[in-house]
């Protein structure tokens, strides 16, 4: 999201299934607000009440977002063989092992 926004291509985040059936300005505003919510400096992040206000009205001017707290680029490489076939994802990093623990609270 940050990379696309910095590259002036934030609308590439919008689901292609929507086609052109969405409000471009509304999508840009939502993306902008999302970026404000993940800024590295917690003090720069908006409160939830501010987010609700920002989403509910266009009269609030949004500040420029700062870089997110954690950004290392894409974990996946996208290979498009045909635009009608969609994306084929190939992990760039080895899969991480997971474990499951059971706990009972009484």
C-alpha atoms as a PDB file:
ATOM      1  CA  UNK A   1       0.000   0.000   0.000  1.00  0.00           C
ATOM      2  CA  UNK A   2       2.766   2.433   0.941  1.00  0.00           C
ATOM      3  CA  UNK A   3       4.808   1.663  -2.165  1.00  0.00           C
ATOM      4  CA  UNK A   4       1.813   2.152  -4.471  1.00  0.00           C
ATOM      5  CA  UNK A   5       0.829   5.357  -2.718  1.00  0.00           C
ATOM      6  CA  UNK A   6       4.355   6.768  -2.906  1.00  0.00           C
ATOM      7  CA  UNK A   7       4.495   5.797  -6.581  1.00  0.00           C
ATOM      8  CA  UNK A   8       1.281   7.757  -7.261  1.00  0.00           C
ATOM      9  CA  UNK A   9      -0.566   4.517  -8.051  1.00  0.00           C
ATOM     10  CA  UNK A  10      -2.803   4.006  -4.984  1.00  0.00           C
ATOM     11  CA  UNK A  11      -5.828   2.969  -7.035  1.00  0.00           C
ATOM     12  CA  UNK A  12      -3.970  -0.193  -8.051  1.00  0.00           C
ATOM     13  CA  UNK A  13      -4.993  -1.453  -4.590  1.00  0.00           C
ATOM     14  CA  UNK A  14      -8.672  -1.391  -5.536  1.00  0.00           C
ATOM     15  CA  UNK A  15     -10.086  -4.833  -6.303  1.00  0.00           C
ATOM     16  CA  UNK A  16     -10.198  -5.265 -10.089  1.00  0.00           C
ATOM     17  CA  UNK A  17     -13.527  -7.085  -9.731  1.00  0.00           C
ATOM     18  CA  UNK A  18     -15.097  -3.680  -9.029  1.00  0.00           C
ATOM     19  CA  UNK A  19     -14.193  -2.531 -12.534  1.00  0.00           C
ATOM     20  CA  UNK A  20     -15.136   1.138 -12.714  1.00  0.00           C
ATOM     21  CA  UNK A  21     -18.108   0.823 -10.347  1.00  0.00           C
ATOM     22  CA  UNK A  22     -16.585   2.705  -7.407  1.00  0.00           C
ATOM     23  CA  UNK A  23     -16.070   6.327  -6.440  1.00  0.00           C
ATOM     24  CA  UNK A  24     -12.428   7.152  -7.185  1.00  0.00           C
ATOM     25  CA  UNK A  25     -12.222   9.988  -4.631  1.00  0.00           C
ATOM     26  CA  UNK A  26     -13.802   7.843  -1.918  1.00  0.00           C
ATOM     27  CA  UNK A  27     -11.306   5.037  -2.575  1.00  0.00           C
ATOM     28  CA  UNK A  28      -8.377   7.479  -2.459  1.00  0.00           C
ATOM     29  CA  UNK A  29      -9.647   8.928   0.819  1.00  0.00           C
ATOM     30  CA  UNK A  30     -10.022   5.473   2.395  1.00  0.00           C
ATOM     31  CA  UNK A  31      -6.506   4.487   1.300  1.00  0.00           C
ATOM     32  CA  UNK A  32      -5.128   7.757   2.696  1.00  0.00           C
ATOM     33  CA  UNK A  33      -6.886   7.206   6.035  1.00  0.00           C
ATOM     34  CA  UNK A  34      -5.577   3.638   6.164  1.00  0.00           C
ATOM     35  CA  UNK A  35      -2.029   4.893   5.672  1.00  0.00           C
ATOM     36  CA  UNK A  36      -2.516   7.401   8.491  1.00  0.00           C
ATOM     37  CA  UNK A  37      -3.510   4.513  10.776  1.00  0.00           C
ATOM     38  CA  UNK A  38      -0.256   2.577  10.262  1.00  0.00           C
ATOM     39  CA  UNK A  39       2.283   5.397  10.656  1.00  0.00           C
ATOM     40  CA  UNK A  40       5.379   4.438  12.619  1.00  0.00           C
ATOM     41  CA  UNK A  41       4.976   7.205  15.210  1.00  0.00           C
ATOM     42  CA  UNK A  42       1.979   6.269  17.347  1.00  0.00           C
ATOM     43  CA  UNK A  43       1.427   9.917  18.233  1.00  0.00           C
ATOM     44  CA  UNK A  44       0.861  10.713  14.545  1.00  0.00           C
ATOM     45  CA  UNK A  45      -1.818   8.041  14.138  1.00  0.00           C
ATOM     46  CA  UNK A  46      -5.416   9.254  14.331  1.00  0.00           C
ATOM     47  CA  UNK A  47      -7.686   8.128  17.149  1.00  0.00           C
ATOM     48  CA  UNK A  48     -10.647   5.924  16.274  1.00  0.00           C
ATOM     49  CA  UNK A  49     -13.018   8.844  16.792  1.00  0.00           C
ATOM     50  CA  UNK A  50     -10.933  10.902  14.347  1.00  0.00           C
ATOM     51  CA  UNK A  51     -11.021   8.017  11.832  1.00  0.00           C
ATOM     52  CA  UNK A  52     -14.819   7.846  12.094  1.00  0.00           C
ATOM     53  CA  UNK A  53     -14.985  11.609  11.530  1.00  0.00           C
ATOM     54  CA  UNK A  54     -12.597  11.414   8.540  1.00  0.00           C
ATOM     55  CA  UNK A  55     -14.607   8.594   6.967  1.00  0.00           C
ATOM     56  CA  UNK A  56     -17.912  10.365   7.563  1.00  0.00           C
ATOM     57  CA  UNK A  57     -17.141  13.746   6.052  1.00  0.00           C
ATOM     58  CA  UNK A  58     -15.069  15.283   3.296  1.00  0.00           C
ATOM     59  CA  UNK A  59     -14.780  18.590   5.123  1.00  0.00           C
ATOM     60  CA  UNK A  60     -11.869  17.330   7.246  1.00  0.00           C
ATOM     61  CA  UNK A  61      -8.489  17.960   5.595  1.00  0.00           C
ATOM     62  CA  UNK A  62      -6.262  14.911   5.876  1.00  0.00           C
ATOM     63  CA  UNK A  63      -2.603  15.335   6.852  1.00  0.00           C
ATOM     64  CA  UNK A  64       0.093  13.733   4.716  1.00  0.00           C
ATOM     65  CA  UNK A  65       0.900  10.237   5.989  1.00  0.00           C
ATOM     66  CA  UNK A  66       4.385   9.351   7.196  1.00  0.00           C
ATOM     67  CA  UNK A  67       5.990   5.962   6.416  1.00  0.00           C
ATOM     68  CA  UNK A  68       4.383   2.941   8.086  1.00  0.00           C
ATOM     69  CA  UNK A  69       5.871   1.349  11.173  1.00  0.00           C
ATOM     70  CA  UNK A  70       6.912  -1.802   9.363  1.00  0.00           C
ATOM     71  CA  UNK A  71       7.576  -2.029   5.643  1.00  0.00           C
ATOM     72  CA  UNK A  72       9.889  -4.452   3.894  1.00  0.00           C
ATOM     73  CA  UNK A  73       8.289  -4.658   0.472  1.00  0.00           C
ATOM     74  CA  UNK A  74       6.345  -7.551  -0.975  1.00  0.00           C
ATOM     75  CA  UNK A  75       6.693 -11.072   0.341  1.00  0.00           C
ATOM     76  CA  UNK A  76       5.342 -12.421  -2.920  1.00  0.00           C
ATOM     77  CA  UNK A  77       6.364 -12.014  -6.506  1.00  0.00           C
ATOM     78  CA  UNK A  78       3.475 -11.637  -8.934  1.00  0.00           C
ATOM     79  CA  UNK A  79       3.778 -13.203 -12.326  1.00  0.00           C
ATOM     80  CA  UNK A  80       1.011 -12.346 -14.782  1.00  0.00           C
ATOM     81  CA  UNK A  81       1.048 -14.710 -17.711  1.00  0.00           C
ATOM     82  CA  UNK A  82      -2.268 -13.429 -19.035  1.00  0.00           C
ATOM     83  CA  UNK A  83      -4.428 -10.619 -17.670  1.00  0.00           C
ATOM     84  CA  UNK A  84      -7.517 -12.841 -17.927  1.00  0.00           C
ATOM     85  CA  UNK A  85      -5.914 -15.672 -15.952  1.00  0.00           C
ATOM     86  CA  UNK A  86      -5.049 -13.522 -12.943  1.00  0.00           C
ATOM     87  CA  UNK A  87      -1.947 -13.556 -10.758  1.00  0.00           C
ATOM     88  CA  UNK A  88       0.224 -16.514  -9.917  1.00  0.00           C
ATOM     89  CA  UNK A  89       1.965 -16.022  -6.566  1.00  0.00           C
ATOM     90  CA  UNK A  90       5.380 -17.419  -5.785  1.00  0.00           C
ATOM     91  CA  UNK A  91       6.778 -16.978  -2.270  1.00  0.00           C
ATOM     92  CA  UNK A  92      10.075 -15.120  -2.115  1.00  0.00           C
ATOM     93  CA  UNK A  93      10.672 -16.206   1.465  1.00  0.00           C
ATOM     94  CA  UNK A  94      10.540 -19.781   2.786  1.00  0.00           C
ATOM     95  CA  UNK A  95       7.267 -20.691   4.515  1.00  0.00           C
ATOM     96  CA  UNK A  96       7.346 -20.115   8.231  1.00  0.00           C
ATOM     97  CA  UNK A  97       6.530 -23.009  10.512  1.00  0.00           C
ATOM     98  CA  UNK A  98       3.613 -22.627  12.849  1.00  0.00           C
ATOM     99  CA  UNK A  99       2.572 -24.333  16.036  1.00  0.00           C
ATOM    100  CA  UNK A 100      -0.724 -24.612  17.820  1.00  0.00           C
ATOM    101  CA  UNK A 101      -1.207 -24.581  21.566  1.00  0.00           C
ATOM    102  CA  UNK A 102      -4.375 -25.543  23.359  1.00  0.00           C
ATOM    103  CA  UNK A 103      -5.509 -23.763  26.464  1.00  0.00           C
ATOM    104  CA  UNK A 104      -8.647 -24.046  28.544  1.00  0.00           C
ATOM    105  CA  UNK A 105      -9.979 -21.159  30.590  1.00  0.00           C
ATOM    106  CA  UNK A 106     -12.468 -22.037  33.342  1.00  0.00           C
END
